[in-house]
Structure formats: C-alpha cells, structure tokens
Amino acid sequence: MDPRLAHIRTWIFDLDNTLYPASARLFDGVDAKMGAYISERLGVDLAEARRIQKGYFHAHGTTLAGLMADHDVDPHEFLAFVHDIEMDALEENAPLAAAIAKLPGRKIVFTNADTPYATTVLGRLGLSDSFEAIHDIHAMNLAPKPQASAYAGLCAAFDLDPQASLFAEDMARNLKPAKAIGMTTLWVDNGSEQTPDETHEHVDFITHDIRHWLEDILEAA
C-alpha cells in the first residue's frame, strides 16, 4: 500500500461517473429523463426544463432536492422515473473488482441515487459483492451531497472515523465537506459535469481512472 494511505480503514466510493467512466454516458439517460419529468410536471418546454434542472442541481446539490423544495415532488416517483434507463453501456469490470477486493478495511458506496438503481449499476459492473453497504439518498433523509448532514449521517450510520476514511467522487464540490471533517479525498476527474468556478484545494489525490489509481496505490512500496 502507498504509505500515504496506510492509515485508511474505510474506502468510500461515489457511484455514477466514479465506479464507471463518464465516457460511458450512462448519466446522459438519467439527465434526459429528468428533463422530460420537469417538462411534463411543470408544463414547460424542454429548453426551459433543462434550465430549471441545472439551476436546481447547482443550487441544491441535486435536481430532486430543488423540485422537492419548490414543487413538492414525490422523491420515490421521481427517482423511479429518471432511473428507468438502458444500461447496455456498462460492462463488467473484473480488474476494478479485483482492486477493490485487495483494499484493506471496509468499502461503502455513498450515492445521491437510490439503492435499487445503485444495485443494478453495481451488478452490471460486476461489483455486487464488492461493498459492505450502499448509503443512498433515502439514508441521507433526502438531504444530498454536498450537504454536511449527508456526511455526518454516513459516519454515524457506520461508526466511521473520518480521519481513517477516503472518499472517491467525480464531483469535486462533493469532496469539500468530506475534507472538512478530516477525510482523505480522491477526485475522479474523468469529464463529468462540475460546478462553475470550482476550486480544488480540498482535493488530496486526482485520477482519471479509478481502477488504475487503485492498482497503483496497491503496488506502491
């Protein structure tokens, strides 16, 4: 193990665009379904729906959080609709599964999606048995990353020591609260959408490919 990470006892991973590359474009399907939902629910055209969607995403952490706050949207209905997508772009990643299995300690998925969707994605990737648990949007009481309560709730739920935990995530802004409570942070910079004017002083490590990064740290003397 890379000596800089010898203290890590819990490895926490985001799901979308982290455990698979943004180039798979899976989230494009979710994005399109969000636009369709907003267009139908609010009676606006798709261009206006997209403006609303992205506004909520940047202001609230997720589009759902904004829709719940301003339009009393049912989260179960919304998530079921937007996660009903084709996943043919995802392929089994045996080398990633092998690398995760070699990590010492606990492994947890921490996602703003819900557990049924996350379970399906992990199955497509061949990672169904790679993680102890999925901490999803419902476990966060629908208050998503990057709200501080999401991270506090994760640590409380699994009795985690943030100082001995690493969090890997494709959205750089979602690493800031993790760093604030003492977690080591890994930004998976693979082309996914970022917040405008994002800064990176809270990022400890950067990679373009999570599998290669894990393999490198496991081989480091």
C-alpha atoms as a PDB file:
ATOM      1  CA  MET A   1       0.000   0.000   0.000  1.00  0.00           C
ATOM      2  CA  ASP A   2       1.120   3.545  -0.753  1.00  0.00           C
ATOM      3  CA  PRO A   3       2.442   4.767   2.626  1.00  0.00           C
ATOM      4  CA  ARG A   4       0.432   8.000   2.294  1.00  0.00           C
ATOM      5  CA  LEU A   5      -2.702   5.854   2.586  1.00  0.00           C
ATOM      6  CA  ALA A   6      -1.586   3.341   5.202  1.00  0.00           C
ATOM      7  CA  HIS A   7      -3.942   4.930   7.753  1.00  0.00           C
ATOM      8  CA  ILE A   8      -7.089   4.388   5.658  1.00  0.00           C
ATOM      9  CA  ARG A   9      -9.506   1.855   7.162  1.00  0.00           C
ATOM     10  CA  THR A  10     -12.664   2.735   5.196  1.00  0.00           C
ATOM     11  CA  TRP A  11     -12.865   3.300   1.437  1.00  0.00           C
ATOM     12  CA  ILE A  12     -15.954   5.258   0.362  1.00  0.00           C
ATOM     13  CA  PHE A  13     -16.958   5.494  -3.289  1.00  0.00           C
ATOM     14  CA  ASP A  14     -19.470   7.592  -5.165  1.00  0.00           C
ATOM     15  CA  LEU A  15     -21.345   5.616  -7.835  1.00  0.00           C
ATOM     16  CA  ASP A  16     -22.136   7.439 -11.085  1.00  0.00           C
ATOM     17  CA  ASN A  17     -19.140   8.564 -13.156  1.00  0.00           C
ATOM     18  CA  THR A  18     -16.836   7.252 -10.423  1.00  0.00           C
ATOM     19  CA  LEU A  19     -17.095   3.452 -10.499  1.00  0.00           C
ATOM     20  CA  TYR A  20     -17.608   3.662 -14.245  1.00  0.00           C
ATOM     21  CA  PRO A  21     -16.218   6.358 -16.589  1.00  0.00           C
ATOM     22  CA  ALA A  22     -18.209   9.394 -17.621  1.00  0.00           C
ATOM     23  CA  SER A  23     -17.418   8.351 -21.213  1.00  0.00           C
ATOM     24  CA  ALA A  24     -19.972   5.541 -20.803  1.00  0.00           C
ATOM     25  CA  ARG A  25     -22.532   8.368 -20.906  1.00  0.00           C
ATOM     26  CA  LEU A  26     -24.954   6.408 -18.756  1.00  0.00           C
ATOM     27  CA  PHE A  27     -25.935   9.523 -16.870  1.00  0.00           C
ATOM     28  CA  ASP A  28     -26.982  11.155 -20.142  1.00  0.00           C
ATOM     29  CA  GLY A  29     -30.033   8.914 -19.971  1.00  0.00           C
ATOM     30  CA  VAL A  30     -30.826   9.988 -16.415  1.00  0.00           C
ATOM     31  CA  ASP A  31     -30.283  13.612 -17.426  1.00  0.00           C
ATOM     32  CA  ALA A  32     -32.739  13.295 -20.321  1.00  0.00           C
ATOM     33  CA  LYS A  33     -35.354  11.643 -18.112  1.00  0.00           C
ATOM     34  CA  MET A  34     -35.038  14.489 -15.591  1.00  0.00           C
ATOM     35  CA  GLY A  35     -35.711  16.992 -18.344  1.00  0.00           C
ATOM     36  CA  ALA A  36     -38.741  15.047 -19.532  1.00  0.00           C
ATOM     37  CA  TYR A  37     -40.104  14.800 -15.991  1.00  0.00           C
ATOM     38  CA  ILE A  38     -39.723  18.530 -15.350  1.00  0.00           C
ATOM     39  CA  SER A  39     -41.222  19.426 -18.719  1.00  0.00           C
ATOM     40  CA  GLU A  40     -44.319  17.320 -18.026  1.00  0.00           C
ATOM     41  CA  ARG A  41     -44.669  18.214 -14.346  1.00  0.00           C
ATOM     42  CA  LEU A  42     -44.206  21.980 -14.742  1.00  0.00           C
ATOM     43  CA  GLY A  43     -45.693  22.355 -18.200  1.00  0.00           C
ATOM     44  CA  VAL A  44     -42.612  23.890 -19.804  1.00  0.00           C
ATOM     45  CA  ASP A  45     -40.668  23.099 -22.962  1.00  0.00           C
ATOM     46  CA  LEU A  46     -37.505  21.003 -22.835  1.00  0.00           C
ATOM     47  CA  ALA A  47     -35.183  24.004 -23.056  1.00  0.00           C
ATOM     48  CA  GLU A  48     -36.799  25.639 -20.035  1.00  0.00           C
ATOM     49  CA  ALA A  49     -36.892  22.280 -18.257  1.00  0.00           C
ATOM     50  CA  ARG A  50     -33.140  21.955 -18.699  1.00  0.00           C
ATOM     51  CA  ARG A  51     -32.544  25.458 -17.340  1.00  0.00           C
ATOM     52  CA  ILE A  52     -34.617  24.617 -14.261  1.00  0.00           C
ATOM     53  CA  GLN A  53     -32.921  21.248 -13.873  1.00  0.00           C
ATOM     54  CA  LYS A  54     -29.390  22.630 -13.928  1.00  0.00           C
ATOM     55  CA  GLY A  55     -30.332  25.530 -11.692  1.00  0.00           C
ATOM     56  CA  TYR A  56     -31.570  23.137  -9.038  1.00  0.00           C
ATOM     57  CA  PHE A  57     -28.542  20.878  -9.462  1.00  0.00           C
ATOM     58  CA  HIS A  58     -26.109  23.705  -8.796  1.00  0.00           C
ATOM     59  CA  ALA A  59     -28.139  25.360  -6.017  1.00  0.00           C
ATOM     60  CA  HIS A  60     -29.391  22.320  -4.109  1.00  0.00           C
ATOM     61  CA  GLY A  61     -26.909  19.526  -4.818  1.00  0.00           C
ATOM     62  CA  THR A  62     -29.444  17.514  -6.812  1.00  0.00           C
ATOM     63  CA  THR A  63     -32.304  18.370  -9.151  1.00  0.00           C
ATOM     64  CA  LEU A  64     -34.598  16.350  -6.893  1.00  0.00           C
ATOM     65  CA  ALA A  65     -33.818  18.487  -3.834  1.00  0.00           C
ATOM     66  CA  GLY A  66     -34.855  21.624  -5.694  1.00  0.00           C
ATOM     67  CA  LEU A  67     -38.019  20.038  -7.053  1.00  0.00           C
ATOM     68  CA  MET A  68     -38.975  18.846  -3.579  1.00  0.00           C
ATOM     69  CA  ALA A  69     -38.367  22.277  -2.080  1.00  0.00           C
ATOM     70  CA  ASP A  70     -40.257  24.292  -4.718  1.00  0.00           C
ATOM     71  CA  HIS A  71     -42.790  21.857  -6.182  1.00  0.00           C
ATOM     72  CA  ASP A  72     -43.421  19.189  -3.532  1.00  0.00           C
ATOM     73  CA  VAL A  73     -42.309  16.413  -5.881  1.00  0.00           C
ATOM     74  CA  ASP A  74     -42.594  12.836  -4.573  1.00  0.00           C
ATOM     75  CA  PRO A  75     -38.988  11.576  -4.410  1.00  0.00           C
ATOM     76  CA  HIS A  76     -39.921   7.926  -4.946  1.00  0.00           C
ATOM     77  CA  GLU A  77     -41.917   8.760  -8.086  1.00  0.00           C
ATOM     78  CA  PHE A  78     -39.128  10.985  -9.435  1.00  0.00           C
ATOM     79  CA  LEU A  79     -36.308   8.511  -8.789  1.00  0.00           C
ATOM     80  CA  ALA A  80     -38.242   5.588 -10.259  1.00  0.00           C
ATOM     81  CA  PHE A  81     -38.886   7.603 -13.433  1.00  0.00           C
ATOM     82  CA  VAL A  82     -35.397   9.026 -14.006  1.00  0.00           C
ATOM     83  CA  HIS A  83     -33.580   5.764 -13.191  1.00  0.00           C
ATOM     84  CA  ASP A  84     -35.621   3.728 -15.684  1.00  0.00           C
ATOM     85  CA  ILE A  85     -32.908   3.768 -18.366  1.00  0.00           C
ATOM     86  CA  GLU A  86     -30.964   1.370 -20.563  1.00  0.00           C
ATOM     87  CA  MET A  87     -27.635   0.277 -19.056  1.00  0.00           C
ATOM     88  CA  ASP A  88     -26.136  -1.500 -22.059  1.00  0.00           C
ATOM     89  CA  ALA A  89     -23.178   0.899 -21.979  1.00  0.00           C
ATOM     90  CA  LEU A  90     -21.957  -0.604 -18.704  1.00  0.00           C
ATOM     91  CA  GLU A  91     -19.679  -3.626 -18.822  1.00  0.00           C
ATOM     92  CA  GLU A  92     -18.282  -5.916 -16.169  1.00  0.00           C
ATOM     93  CA  ASN A  93     -15.006  -4.573 -14.820  1.00  0.00           C
ATOM     94  CA  ALA A  94     -13.220  -7.547 -13.305  1.00  0.00           C
ATOM     95  CA  PRO A  95      -9.911  -5.675 -12.788  1.00  0.00           C
ATOM     96  CA  LEU A  96     -11.731  -2.997 -10.755  1.00  0.00           C
ATOM     97  CA  ALA A  97     -13.470  -5.651  -8.663  1.00  0.00           C
ATOM     98  CA  ALA A  98     -10.098  -7.289  -8.007  1.00  0.00           C
ATOM     99  CA  ALA A  99      -8.504  -3.987  -6.968  1.00  0.00           C
ATOM    100  CA  ILE A 100     -11.350  -3.130  -4.593  1.00  0.00           C
ATOM    101  CA  ALA A 101     -11.141  -6.604  -3.058  1.00  0.00           C
ATOM    102  CA  LYS A 102      -7.471  -6.010  -2.226  1.00  0.00           C
ATOM    103  CA  LEU A 103      -8.117  -2.809  -0.307  1.00  0.00           C
ATOM    104  CA  PRO A 104      -7.668  -3.297   3.444  1.00  0.00           C
ATOM    105  CA  GLY A 105     -10.710  -2.443   5.526  1.00  0.00           C
ATOM    106  CA  ARG A 106     -14.306  -1.566   4.769  1.00  0.00           C
ATOM    107  CA  LYS A 107     -15.787  -0.438   1.438  1.00  0.00           C
ATOM    108  CA  ILE A 108     -19.015   1.574   1.126  1.00  0.00           C
ATOM    109  CA  VAL A 109     -20.926   3.219  -1.748  1.00  0.00           C
ATOM    110  CA  PHE A 110     -22.126   6.762  -0.946  1.00  0.00           C
ATOM    111  CA  THR A 111     -24.539   7.977  -3.628  1.00  0.00           C
ATOM    112  CA  ASN A 112     -27.214  10.596  -4.250  1.00  0.00           C
ATOM    113  CA  ALA A 113     -29.078   7.910  -6.213  1.00  0.00           C
ATOM    114  CA  ASP A 114     -31.299   5.299  -4.572  1.00  0.00           C
ATOM    115  CA  THR A 115     -30.405   1.737  -3.636  1.00  0.00           C
ATOM    116  CA  PRO A 116     -32.384  -0.088  -6.374  1.00  0.00           C
ATOM    117  CA  TYR A 117     -30.610   1.912  -9.093  1.00  0.00           C
ATOM    118  CA  ALA A 118     -27.209   1.588  -7.388  1.00  0.00           C
ATOM    119  CA  THR A 119     -27.674  -2.167  -7.007  1.00  0.00           C
ATOM    120  CA  THR A 120     -28.437  -2.513 -10.721  1.00  0.00           C
ATOM    121  CA  VAL A 121     -25.393  -0.444 -11.721  1.00  0.00           C
ATOM    122  CA  LEU A 122     -23.099  -2.433  -9.429  1.00  0.00           C
ATOM    123  CA  GLY A 123     -24.457  -5.656 -10.871  1.00  0.00           C
ATOM    124  CA  ARG A 124     -23.721  -4.520 -14.421  1.00  0.00           C
ATOM    125  CA  LEU A 125     -20.159  -3.648 -13.368  1.00  0.00           C
ATOM    126  CA  GLY A 126     -19.584  -6.973 -11.626  1.00  0.00           C
ATOM    127  CA  LEU A 127     -19.298  -5.230  -8.261  1.00  0.00           C
ATOM    128  CA  SER A 128     -22.314  -6.701  -6.479  1.00  0.00           C
ATOM    129  CA  ASP A 129     -20.133  -8.314  -3.817  1.00  0.00           C
ATOM    130  CA  SER A 130     -17.526  -5.549  -3.554  1.00  0.00           C
ATOM    131  CA  PHE A 131     -19.156  -3.351  -0.915  1.00  0.00           C
ATOM    132  CA  GLU A 132     -20.395  -3.729   2.622  1.00  0.00           C
ATOM    133  CA  ALA A 133     -23.297  -1.330   2.073  1.00  0.00           C
ATOM    134  CA  ILE A 134     -24.898   1.364  -0.080  1.00  0.00           C
ATOM    135  CA  HIS A 135     -25.625   4.655   1.703  1.00  0.00           C
ATOM    136  CA  ASP A 136     -28.218   6.204  -0.598  1.00  0.00           C
ATOM    137  CA  ILE A 137     -30.331   9.349  -0.838  1.00  0.00           C
ATOM    138  CA  HIS A 138     -33.003   7.901   1.461  1.00  0.00           C
ATOM    139  CA  ALA A 139     -30.391   7.068   4.108  1.00  0.00           C
ATOM    140  CA  MET A 140     -29.440  10.766   3.905  1.00  0.00           C
ATOM    141  CA  ASN A 141     -33.051  11.725   4.671  1.00  0.00           C
ATOM    142  CA  LEU A 142     -33.190  13.170   1.141  1.00  0.00           C
ATOM    143  CA  ALA A 143     -30.558  15.819   2.008  1.00  0.00           C
ATOM    144  CA  PRO A 144     -27.919  15.022  -0.646  1.00  0.00           C
ATOM    145  CA  LYS A 145     -24.211  15.541  -1.002  1.00  0.00           C
ATOM    146  CA  PRO A 146     -22.722  18.130  -0.628  1.00  0.00           C
ATOM    147  CA  GLN A 147     -24.864  18.979   2.405  1.00  0.00           C
ATOM    148  CA  ALA A 148     -22.834  18.440   5.565  1.00  0.00           C
ATOM    149  CA  SER A 149     -25.587  16.342   7.145  1.00  0.00           C
ATOM    150  CA  ALA A 150     -25.107  13.672   4.467  1.00  0.00           C
ATOM    151  CA  TYR A 151     -21.504  13.091   5.552  1.00  0.00           C
ATOM    152  CA  ALA A 152     -22.299  13.230   9.259  1.00  0.00           C
ATOM    153  CA  GLY A 153     -25.091  10.706   8.731  1.00  0.00           C
ATOM    154  CA  LEU A 154     -22.784   8.372   6.800  1.00  0.00           C
ATOM    155  CA  CYS A 155     -20.196   8.419   9.583  1.00  0.00           C
ATOM    156  CA  ALA A 156     -22.855   7.869  12.247  1.00  0.00           C
ATOM    157  CA  ALA A 157     -24.535   5.027  10.368  1.00  0.00           C
ATOM    158  CA  PHE A 158     -21.325   3.020  10.027  1.00  0.00           C
ATOM    159  CA  ASP A 159     -19.383   4.327  13.032  1.00  0.00           C
ATOM    160  CA  LEU A 160     -16.665   5.694  10.755  1.00  0.00           C
ATOM    161  CA  ASP A 161     -13.603   7.660  11.775  1.00  0.00           C
ATOM    162  CA  PRO A 162     -13.303  10.360   9.084  1.00  0.00           C
ATOM    163  CA  GLN A 163      -9.560  10.635   9.729  1.00  0.00           C
ATOM    164  CA  ALA A 164      -9.198   6.985   8.687  1.00  0.00           C
ATOM    165  CA  SER A 165     -11.502   7.215   5.658  1.00  0.00           C
ATOM    166  CA  LEU A 166     -11.004   8.028   1.972  1.00  0.00           C
ATOM    167  CA  PHE A 167     -13.790   9.307  -0.262  1.00  0.00           C
ATOM    168  CA  ALA A 168     -13.610   8.977  -4.073  1.00  0.00           C
ATOM    169  CA  GLU A 169     -16.007  11.139  -6.089  1.00  0.00           C
ATOM    170  CA  ASP A 170     -16.285  12.637  -9.590  1.00  0.00           C
ATOM    171  CA  MET A 171     -17.927  15.888  -8.432  1.00  0.00           C
ATOM    172  CA  ALA A 172     -15.136  17.967  -6.896  1.00  0.00           C
ATOM    173  CA  ARG A 173     -17.589  20.047  -4.863  1.00  0.00           C
ATOM    174  CA  ASN A 174     -18.788  16.908  -3.069  1.00  0.00           C
ATOM    175  CA  LEU A 175     -15.288  16.345  -1.703  1.00  0.00           C
ATOM    176  CA  LYS A 176     -15.171  19.654   0.168  1.00  0.00           C
ATOM    177  CA  PRO A 177     -17.419  18.594   3.096  1.00  0.00           C
ATOM    178  CA  ALA A 178     -15.545  15.279   3.303  1.00  0.00           C
ATOM    179  CA  LYS A 179     -12.233  17.102   3.606  1.00  0.00           C
ATOM    180  CA  ALA A 180     -13.723  19.449   6.198  1.00  0.00           C
ATOM    181  CA  ILE A 181     -14.380  16.541   8.582  1.00  0.00           C
ATOM    182  CA  GLY A 182     -10.960  15.001   8.028  1.00  0.00           C
ATOM    183  CA  MET A 183     -11.430  12.515   5.203  1.00  0.00           C
ATOM    184  CA  THR A 184      -8.761  11.929   2.577  1.00  0.00           C
ATOM    185  CA  THR A 185     -10.223  12.917  -0.798  1.00  0.00           C
ATOM    186  CA  LEU A 186      -9.820  11.499  -4.296  1.00  0.00           C
ATOM    187  CA  TRP A 187     -11.226  13.393  -7.270  1.00  0.00           C
ATOM    188  CA  VAL A 188     -12.069  11.147 -10.222  1.00  0.00           C
ATOM    189  CA  ASP A 189     -11.623  13.795 -12.905  1.00  0.00           C
ATOM    190  CA  ASN A 190     -12.975  11.994 -15.943  1.00  0.00           C
ATOM    191  CA  GLY A 191     -15.033  14.641 -17.689  1.00  0.00           C
ATOM    192  CA  SER A 192     -18.262  14.720 -15.710  1.00  0.00           C
ATOM    193  CA  GLU A 193     -20.102  17.993 -15.134  1.00  0.00           C
ATOM    194  CA  GLN A 194     -18.633  20.304 -12.487  1.00  0.00           C
ATOM    195  CA  THR A 195     -19.893  23.362 -10.650  1.00  0.00           C
ATOM    196  CA  PRO A 196     -18.801  26.635 -12.310  1.00  0.00           C
ATOM    197  CA  ASP A 197     -15.707  28.225 -10.729  1.00  0.00           C
ATOM    198  CA  GLU A 198     -14.952  25.070  -8.728  1.00  0.00           C
ATOM    199  CA  THR A 199     -11.733  25.158  -6.685  1.00  0.00           C
ATOM    200  CA  HIS A 200      -9.668  22.126  -5.703  1.00  0.00           C
ATOM    201  CA  GLU A 201      -7.785  22.997  -2.543  1.00  0.00           C
ATOM    202  CA  HIS A 202      -9.779  20.289  -0.745  1.00  0.00           C
ATOM    203  CA  VAL A 203      -8.594  17.551  -3.152  1.00  0.00           C
ATOM    204  CA  ASP A 204      -5.784  15.276  -1.927  1.00  0.00           C
ATOM    205  CA  PHE A 205      -5.472  12.981  -4.946  1.00  0.00           C
ATOM    206  CA  ILE A 206      -6.619  13.196  -8.572  1.00  0.00           C
ATOM    207  CA  THR A 207      -7.094  10.397 -11.096  1.00  0.00           C
ATOM    208  CA  HIS A 208      -8.726   9.983 -14.477  1.00  0.00           C
ATOM    209  CA  ASP A 209      -9.396   6.262 -13.894  1.00  0.00           C
ATOM    210  CA  ILE A 210     -10.323   4.744 -10.542  1.00  0.00           C
ATOM    211  CA  ARG A 211      -9.091   1.233 -11.402  1.00  0.00           C
ATOM    212  CA  HIS A 212      -5.639   2.387 -12.447  1.00  0.00           C
ATOM    213  CA  TRP A 213      -5.327   4.577  -9.352  1.00  0.00           C
ATOM    214  CA  LEU A 214      -6.242   1.712  -7.045  1.00  0.00           C
ATOM    215  CA  GLU A 215      -3.813  -0.621  -8.786  1.00  0.00           C
ATOM    216  CA  ASP A 216      -1.056   1.982  -8.471  1.00  0.00           C
ATOM    217  CA  ILE A 217      -1.532   2.583  -4.742  1.00  0.00           C
ATOM    218  CA  LEU A 218      -1.720  -1.140  -4.052  1.00  0.00           C
ATOM    219  CA  GLU A 219       1.581  -1.709  -5.836  1.00  0.00           C
ATOM    220  CA  ALA A 220       3.380   1.250  -4.227  1.00  0.00           C
ATOM    221  CA  ALA A 221       6.174   0.348  -1.873  1.00  0.00           C
END
